Each structure stands twice: as structure tokens, then as C-alpha cells.
Amino acid sequence: MLKLNLSKGYVIWPAVTLALLMLTTVGVIALPGMPENNGALKISPIQSGADLPDGFTLYQGLSQHGVQIESITPANGSLVVKLQSQQQQQLAQDTLKSLLPNGYAIKACSGEQPHQWVSKLTRDQAKFG
């Protein structure tokens, strides 16, 4: 007779590995689809070729008016100001209008775009088995 000797370790480790793999897969697929709760503003010069405003000066001015900033980064000829909460977006817009001279457009934007592979993955979700 053939007797199978299955120890607990032999059964538990593959089950744990499979569970972690499934959780990782769900996280990679679901995470990019989650909405961002941070507001972001895009500051662009109206005339092409004009200089961008100094990010440090903007940070100081916004902070003095009580706007909590997560980051200020350049992106495609403009500055993106990410705020810690979306509720501060209107206050930040009003403050930036008073800080900046005429010649700059201040628009709300969705924040960072997902990486290219993430957008392809979420776009092609129907193709996954």
C-alpha cells in the first residue's frame, strides 16, 4: 500500500504563498482605480516660453495663508501643486491669484497620472481571465 505522509508544513506553505499571490494581484489591479482624495492645481504661463514662478516662493505664500501643501513639482512646462486635502483647493486658487502676476493660468487638475503600465493594465481588465 502507498501511504501518503502529508505534514502540516507541506500543506500550509503553498496555501500561504497562493493567498499572498492572489492579494498582490488584486492590489495591483484595484489600487490604480481608487480615486485620489488630494486636490491639485496646475499653474501654466499663458504665453509660451514664459518662465515658471519660483516654487519656493509659492510654497511660502501658500503656507502663510494656511494652505497645506504636499508637493510642488514641474511637469510639461507648468507647475503642479498637490494639496494635502481637496477642501483647500479653492483657498489655494484664491491665494495663488493674489501671489502671481497676470499671465499665469491656474486650473484644477487630477494630480499625478498613473504609470503607463498601470493604465494599460486597467484599460485591458476585460482581457484577464
N, C-alpha and C. Protein backbone atom coordinates (compact mmCIF):
# COMPACT_ATOMS: atom_id res chain seq x y z
N MET A 1 0.82 -1.18 0.00
CA MET A 1 0.00 0.00 0.00
C MET A 1 0.87 1.25 0.00
N LEU A 2 0.40 2.22 -0.67
CA LEU A 2 1.09 3.50 -0.73
C LEU A 2 0.51 4.41 0.35
N LYS A 3 1.36 4.86 1.21
CA LYS A 3 0.91 5.70 2.31
C LYS A 3 1.45 7.11 2.09
N LEU A 4 0.56 8.10 2.06
CA LEU A 4 0.97 9.50 1.90
C LEU A 4 1.25 10.11 3.25
N ASN A 5 2.38 10.74 3.34
CA ASN A 5 2.76 11.40 4.57
C ASN A 5 2.73 12.91 4.33
N LEU A 6 1.61 13.53 4.66
CA LEU A 6 1.47 14.97 4.47
C LEU A 6 1.65 15.67 5.80
N SER A 7 2.71 16.43 5.90
CA SER A 7 2.92 17.18 7.13
C SER A 7 2.22 18.53 7.00
N LYS A 8 2.02 19.19 8.12
CA LYS A 8 1.34 20.49 8.12
C LYS A 8 2.11 21.53 7.30
N GLY A 9 3.42 21.51 7.40
CA GLY A 9 4.24 22.47 6.67
C GLY A 9 4.13 22.30 5.17
N TYR A 10 3.96 21.07 4.73
CA TYR A 10 3.84 20.78 3.31
C TYR A 10 2.56 21.36 2.73
N VAL A 11 1.51 21.45 3.51
CA VAL A 11 0.22 21.95 3.05
C VAL A 11 0.09 23.46 3.29
N ILE A 12 0.62 23.95 4.39
CA ILE A 12 0.42 25.36 4.77
C ILE A 12 1.20 26.31 3.88
N TRP A 13 2.47 26.04 3.59
CA TRP A 13 3.28 26.99 2.82
C TRP A 13 2.75 27.24 1.42
N PRO A 14 2.34 26.23 0.67
CA PRO A 14 1.75 26.54 -0.65
C PRO A 14 0.45 27.35 -0.54
N ALA A 15 -0.34 27.08 0.49
CA ALA A 15 -1.58 27.83 0.67
C ALA A 15 -1.29 29.29 1.00
N VAL A 16 -0.32 29.55 1.86
CA VAL A 16 0.07 30.92 2.21
C VAL A 16 0.63 31.64 0.98
N THR A 17 1.46 30.97 0.23
CA THR A 17 2.05 31.57 -0.97
C THR A 17 0.95 31.91 -1.99
N LEU A 18 0.01 31.01 -2.18
CA LEU A 18 -1.09 31.26 -3.10
C LEU A 18 -1.95 32.43 -2.63
N ALA A 19 -2.24 32.51 -1.34
CA ALA A 19 -3.04 33.61 -0.81
C ALA A 19 -2.32 34.95 -1.00
N LEU A 20 -1.01 35.01 -0.74
CA LEU A 20 -0.25 36.24 -0.93
C LEU A 20 -0.21 36.65 -2.40
N LEU A 21 -0.07 35.69 -3.28
CA LEU A 21 -0.06 35.97 -4.71
C LEU A 21 -1.40 36.53 -5.16
N MET A 22 -2.49 35.99 -4.66
CA MET A 22 -3.81 36.48 -5.02
C MET A 22 -4.04 37.90 -4.48
N LEU A 23 -3.62 38.17 -3.25
CA LEU A 23 -3.77 39.51 -2.67
C LEU A 23 -2.95 40.54 -3.43
N THR A 24 -1.75 40.17 -3.83
CA THR A 24 -0.89 41.07 -4.61
C THR A 24 -1.54 41.38 -5.95
N THR A 25 -2.09 40.38 -6.61
CA THR A 25 -2.74 40.58 -7.90
C THR A 25 -3.94 41.51 -7.77
N VAL A 26 -4.76 41.29 -6.77
CA VAL A 26 -5.92 42.15 -6.54
C VAL A 26 -5.47 43.58 -6.25
N GLY A 27 -4.41 43.75 -5.46
CA GLY A 27 -3.90 45.08 -5.15
C GLY A 27 -3.40 45.81 -6.37
N VAL A 28 -2.69 45.13 -7.25
CA VAL A 28 -2.15 45.76 -8.46
C VAL A 28 -3.28 46.19 -9.39
N ILE A 29 -4.33 45.41 -9.45
CA ILE A 29 -5.44 45.74 -10.34
C ILE A 29 -6.35 46.80 -9.73
N ALA A 30 -6.63 46.72 -8.44
CA ALA A 30 -7.60 47.62 -7.82
C ALA A 30 -7.02 48.97 -7.41
N LEU A 31 -5.77 49.03 -7.03
CA LEU A 31 -5.19 50.26 -6.50
C LEU A 31 -5.23 51.44 -7.47
N PRO A 32 -4.88 51.27 -8.75
CA PRO A 32 -4.94 52.42 -9.65
C PRO A 32 -6.34 52.96 -9.87
N GLY A 33 -7.35 52.16 -9.67
CA GLY A 33 -8.71 52.61 -9.87
C GLY A 33 -9.27 53.39 -8.70
N MET A 34 -8.57 53.40 -7.58
CA MET A 34 -9.05 54.11 -6.41
C MET A 34 -8.92 55.62 -6.63
N PRO A 35 -9.93 56.38 -6.28
CA PRO A 35 -9.85 57.83 -6.50
C PRO A 35 -8.87 58.49 -5.55
N GLU A 36 -8.20 59.52 -6.06
CA GLU A 36 -7.30 60.29 -5.20
C GLU A 36 -8.12 61.31 -4.43
N ASN A 37 -7.81 61.47 -3.16
CA ASN A 37 -8.56 62.44 -2.38
C ASN A 37 -7.80 63.76 -2.25
N ASN A 38 -6.64 63.86 -2.86
CA ASN A 38 -5.87 65.10 -2.79
C ASN A 38 -6.22 65.99 -3.97
N GLY A 39 -6.33 67.27 -3.70
CA GLY A 39 -6.55 68.22 -4.77
C GLY A 39 -5.20 68.61 -5.37
N ALA A 40 -5.24 69.06 -6.59
CA ALA A 40 -4.02 69.51 -7.24
C ALA A 40 -4.36 70.67 -8.16
N LEU A 41 -3.44 71.61 -8.26
CA LEU A 41 -3.60 72.77 -9.13
C LEU A 41 -2.44 72.81 -10.11
N LYS A 42 -2.74 73.21 -11.33
CA LYS A 42 -1.72 73.31 -12.37
C LYS A 42 -1.55 74.78 -12.71
N ILE A 43 -0.32 75.27 -12.59
CA ILE A 43 -0.01 76.67 -12.89
C ILE A 43 0.80 76.69 -14.18
N SER A 44 0.27 77.36 -15.20
CA SER A 44 0.93 77.42 -16.50
C SER A 44 1.02 78.87 -16.96
N PRO A 45 2.12 79.23 -17.61
CA PRO A 45 2.18 80.57 -18.19
C PRO A 45 1.24 80.65 -19.40
N ILE A 46 0.57 81.78 -19.54
CA ILE A 46 -0.37 81.94 -20.66
C ILE A 46 0.40 82.05 -21.97
N GLN A 47 1.49 82.80 -21.97
CA GLN A 47 2.32 82.94 -23.17
C GLN A 47 3.36 81.83 -23.18
N SER A 48 3.51 81.19 -24.32
CA SER A 48 4.51 80.13 -24.41
C SER A 48 5.91 80.73 -24.31
N GLY A 49 6.77 80.02 -23.64
CA GLY A 49 8.14 80.47 -23.47
C GLY A 49 8.36 81.31 -22.22
N ALA A 50 7.31 81.66 -21.52
CA ALA A 50 7.46 82.46 -20.29
C ALA A 50 7.99 81.57 -19.17
N ASP A 51 8.67 82.19 -18.23
CA ASP A 51 9.23 81.44 -17.11
C ASP A 51 8.15 81.02 -16.12
N LEU A 52 8.42 79.90 -15.45
CA LEU A 52 7.53 79.45 -14.38
C LEU A 52 7.84 80.21 -13.11
N PRO A 53 6.88 80.39 -12.24
CA PRO A 53 7.16 81.06 -10.97
C PRO A 53 8.03 80.18 -10.08
N ASP A 54 8.67 80.81 -9.11
CA ASP A 54 9.54 80.09 -8.19
C ASP A 54 8.69 79.25 -7.23
N GLY A 55 8.95 77.95 -7.19
CA GLY A 55 8.18 77.04 -6.35
C GLY A 55 8.32 77.33 -4.87
N PHE A 56 9.51 77.74 -4.44
CA PHE A 56 9.72 78.03 -3.02
C PHE A 56 8.91 79.24 -2.58
N THR A 57 8.87 80.27 -3.42
CA THR A 57 8.08 81.46 -3.10
C THR A 57 6.60 81.11 -3.02
N LEU A 58 6.13 80.28 -3.94
CA LEU A 58 4.73 79.84 -3.90
C LEU A 58 4.46 79.04 -2.63
N TYR A 59 5.39 78.17 -2.27
CA TYR A 59 5.21 77.35 -1.07
C TYR A 59 5.08 78.25 0.17
N GLN A 60 5.97 79.25 0.28
CA GLN A 60 5.92 80.16 1.42
C GLN A 60 4.61 80.94 1.46
N GLY A 61 4.20 81.46 0.31
CA GLY A 61 2.97 82.26 0.26
C GLY A 61 1.74 81.43 0.59
N LEU A 62 1.67 80.22 0.06
CA LEU A 62 0.53 79.36 0.36
C LEU A 62 0.52 78.93 1.82
N SER A 63 1.68 78.62 2.35
CA SER A 63 1.77 78.22 3.76
C SER A 63 1.35 79.35 4.69
N GLN A 64 1.71 80.58 4.37
CA GLN A 64 1.34 81.72 5.20
C GLN A 64 -0.17 81.96 5.21
N HIS A 65 -0.85 81.50 4.17
CA HIS A 65 -2.31 81.65 4.10
C HIS A 65 -3.04 80.40 4.61
N GLY A 66 -2.31 79.46 5.19
CA GLY A 66 -2.93 78.28 5.80
C GLY A 66 -3.19 77.12 4.86
N VAL A 67 -2.63 77.16 3.66
CA VAL A 67 -2.81 76.05 2.72
C VAL A 67 -1.72 75.01 2.99
N GLN A 68 -2.13 73.77 3.19
CA GLN A 68 -1.19 72.69 3.46
C GLN A 68 -0.83 72.01 2.13
N ILE A 69 0.45 72.04 1.82
CA ILE A 69 0.93 71.58 0.52
C ILE A 69 1.65 70.25 0.69
N GLU A 70 1.36 69.33 -0.22
CA GLU A 70 2.07 68.06 -0.24
C GLU A 70 3.34 68.17 -1.08
N SER A 71 3.23 68.77 -2.27
CA SER A 71 4.41 68.94 -3.13
C SER A 71 4.14 69.98 -4.20
N ILE A 72 5.23 70.53 -4.73
CA ILE A 72 5.19 71.41 -5.89
C ILE A 72 6.23 70.87 -6.86
N THR A 73 5.77 70.43 -8.03
CA THR A 73 6.68 69.81 -9.00
C THR A 73 6.46 70.37 -10.39
N PRO A 74 7.54 70.52 -11.18
CA PRO A 74 7.37 70.93 -12.57
C PRO A 74 6.90 69.74 -13.41
N ALA A 75 6.03 70.02 -14.39
CA ALA A 75 5.53 68.98 -15.27
C ALA A 75 5.09 69.59 -16.59
N ASN A 76 5.78 69.27 -17.66
CA ASN A 76 5.41 69.70 -19.02
C ASN A 76 5.19 71.20 -19.14
N GLY A 77 6.15 71.99 -18.72
CA GLY A 77 6.06 73.44 -18.85
C GLY A 77 5.11 74.10 -17.89
N SER A 78 4.78 73.44 -16.80
CA SER A 78 3.90 74.03 -15.79
C SER A 78 4.31 73.52 -14.42
N LEU A 79 3.72 74.09 -13.37
CA LEU A 79 3.96 73.62 -12.01
C LEU A 79 2.68 72.95 -11.51
N VAL A 80 2.83 71.80 -10.87
CA VAL A 80 1.70 71.11 -10.28
C VAL A 80 1.84 71.21 -8.76
N VAL A 81 0.83 71.82 -8.13
CA VAL A 81 0.81 71.98 -6.68
C VAL A 81 -0.17 70.96 -6.13
N LYS A 82 0.36 69.94 -5.44
CA LYS A 82 -0.51 68.93 -4.82
C LYS A 82 -0.80 69.36 -3.39
N LEU A 83 -2.07 69.38 -3.06
CA LEU A 83 -2.51 69.80 -1.74
C LEU A 83 -2.78 68.58 -0.86
N GLN A 84 -2.72 68.78 0.45
CA GLN A 84 -2.96 67.66 1.36
C GLN A 84 -4.43 67.30 1.44
N SER A 85 -5.33 68.23 1.11
CA SER A 85 -6.76 67.92 1.10
C SER A 85 -7.42 68.69 -0.03
N GLN A 86 -8.44 68.09 -0.59
CA GLN A 86 -9.15 68.71 -1.70
C GLN A 86 -9.96 69.92 -1.23
N GLN A 87 -10.31 69.97 0.05
CA GLN A 87 -11.10 71.08 0.57
C GLN A 87 -10.34 72.40 0.50
N GLN A 88 -9.02 72.36 0.43
CA GLN A 88 -8.22 73.58 0.39
C GLN A 88 -7.98 74.10 -1.02
N GLN A 89 -8.57 73.46 -2.00
CA GLN A 89 -8.31 73.82 -3.39
C GLN A 89 -8.76 75.25 -3.72
N GLN A 90 -9.94 75.64 -3.26
CA GLN A 90 -10.43 76.99 -3.56
C GLN A 90 -9.59 78.05 -2.86
N LEU A 91 -9.21 77.81 -1.61
CA LEU A 91 -8.35 78.74 -0.88
C LEU A 91 -7.00 78.87 -1.58
N ALA A 92 -6.46 77.75 -2.06
CA ALA A 92 -5.18 77.78 -2.76
C ALA A 92 -5.29 78.56 -4.07
N GLN A 93 -6.38 78.36 -4.81
CA GLN A 93 -6.57 79.11 -6.06
C GLN A 93 -6.63 80.61 -5.80
N ASP A 94 -7.41 81.01 -4.81
CA ASP A 94 -7.52 82.43 -4.49
C ASP A 94 -6.18 83.01 -4.06
N THR A 95 -5.45 82.27 -3.25
CA THR A 95 -4.14 82.73 -2.78
C THR A 95 -3.16 82.85 -3.94
N LEU A 96 -3.16 81.86 -4.83
CA LEU A 96 -2.25 81.92 -5.98
C LEU A 96 -2.58 83.09 -6.91
N LYS A 97 -3.86 83.40 -7.06
CA LYS A 97 -4.24 84.55 -7.89
C LYS A 97 -3.70 85.85 -7.31
N SER A 98 -3.64 85.93 -5.97
CA SER A 98 -3.11 87.14 -5.36
C SER A 98 -1.58 87.15 -5.36
N LEU A 99 -0.95 85.98 -5.33
CA LEU A 99 0.52 85.91 -5.29
C LEU A 99 1.15 86.10 -6.67
N LEU A 100 0.52 85.55 -7.69
CA LEU A 100 1.11 85.56 -9.03
C LEU A 100 0.69 86.79 -9.81
N PRO A 101 1.60 87.32 -10.63
CA PRO A 101 1.20 88.41 -11.52
C PRO A 101 0.30 87.86 -12.63
N ASN A 102 -0.33 88.77 -13.37
CA ASN A 102 -1.15 88.33 -14.51
C ASN A 102 -0.25 87.60 -15.50
N GLY A 103 -0.82 86.67 -16.22
CA GLY A 103 -0.03 85.93 -17.20
C GLY A 103 0.11 84.46 -16.85
N TYR A 104 -0.54 84.02 -15.80
CA TYR A 104 -0.50 82.61 -15.41
C TYR A 104 -1.92 82.07 -15.30
N ALA A 105 -2.11 80.88 -15.84
CA ALA A 105 -3.40 80.19 -15.73
C ALA A 105 -3.32 79.22 -14.56
N ILE A 106 -4.33 79.22 -13.72
CA ILE A 106 -4.39 78.33 -12.55
C ILE A 106 -5.62 77.46 -12.73
N LYS A 107 -5.40 76.17 -12.92
CA LYS A 107 -6.50 75.24 -13.16
C LYS A 107 -6.43 74.07 -12.21
N ALA A 108 -7.57 73.50 -11.87
CA ALA A 108 -7.61 72.28 -11.08
C ALA A 108 -7.21 71.12 -11.99
N CYS A 109 -6.44 70.21 -11.45
CA CYS A 109 -6.08 69.02 -12.21
C CYS A 109 -6.20 67.81 -11.31
N SER A 110 -6.16 66.64 -11.93
CA SER A 110 -6.41 65.40 -11.18
C SER A 110 -5.19 64.90 -10.43
N GLY A 111 -4.07 65.55 -10.55
CA GLY A 111 -2.87 65.09 -9.86
C GLY A 111 -2.02 64.25 -10.79
N GLU A 112 -1.26 63.36 -10.21
CA GLU A 112 -0.36 62.53 -10.99
C GLU A 112 -1.09 61.54 -11.86
N GLN A 113 -0.59 61.36 -13.06
CA GLN A 113 -1.12 60.33 -13.92
C GLN A 113 -0.48 58.99 -13.54
N PRO A 114 -1.23 57.89 -13.63
CA PRO A 114 -0.63 56.60 -13.29
C PRO A 114 0.46 56.24 -14.30
N HIS A 115 1.34 55.37 -13.89
CA HIS A 115 2.39 54.92 -14.80
C HIS A 115 1.77 54.27 -16.01
N GLN A 116 2.51 54.24 -17.11
CA GLN A 116 1.98 53.72 -18.36
C GLN A 116 1.51 52.28 -18.23
N TRP A 117 2.27 51.44 -17.56
CA TRP A 117 1.89 50.03 -17.47
C TRP A 117 0.64 49.85 -16.63
N VAL A 118 0.43 50.74 -15.65
CA VAL A 118 -0.77 50.64 -14.81
C VAL A 118 -1.98 51.03 -15.63
N SER A 119 -1.88 52.08 -16.45
CA SER A 119 -3.03 52.48 -17.25
C SER A 119 -3.35 51.42 -18.30
N LYS A 120 -2.35 50.77 -18.85
CA LYS A 120 -2.61 49.69 -19.80
C LYS A 120 -3.28 48.51 -19.10
N LEU A 121 -2.84 48.22 -17.91
CA LEU A 121 -3.41 47.11 -17.15
C LEU A 121 -4.87 47.37 -16.82
N THR A 122 -5.19 48.57 -16.36
CA THR A 122 -6.57 48.87 -16.01
C THR A 122 -7.45 49.00 -17.25
N ARG A 123 -6.87 49.43 -18.35
CA ARG A 123 -7.63 49.56 -19.59
C ARG A 123 -8.04 48.19 -20.14
N ASP A 124 -7.16 47.21 -19.96
CA ASP A 124 -7.38 45.89 -20.52
C ASP A 124 -7.85 44.87 -19.49
N GLN A 125 -8.59 45.31 -18.48
CA GLN A 125 -9.03 44.38 -17.44
C GLN A 125 -9.97 43.31 -17.98
N ALA A 126 -10.71 43.62 -19.00
CA ALA A 126 -11.66 42.64 -19.56
C ALA A 126 -10.94 41.46 -20.19
N LYS A 127 -9.67 41.63 -20.54
CA LYS A 127 -8.91 40.56 -21.20
C LYS A 127 -8.38 39.54 -20.21
N PHE A 128 -8.41 39.87 -18.91
CA PHE A 128 -7.92 38.93 -17.92
C PHE A 128 -8.97 37.88 -17.64
N GLY A 129 -8.53 36.64 -17.47
CA GLY A 129 -9.42 35.50 -17.27
C GLY A 129 -10.12 35.57 -16.00
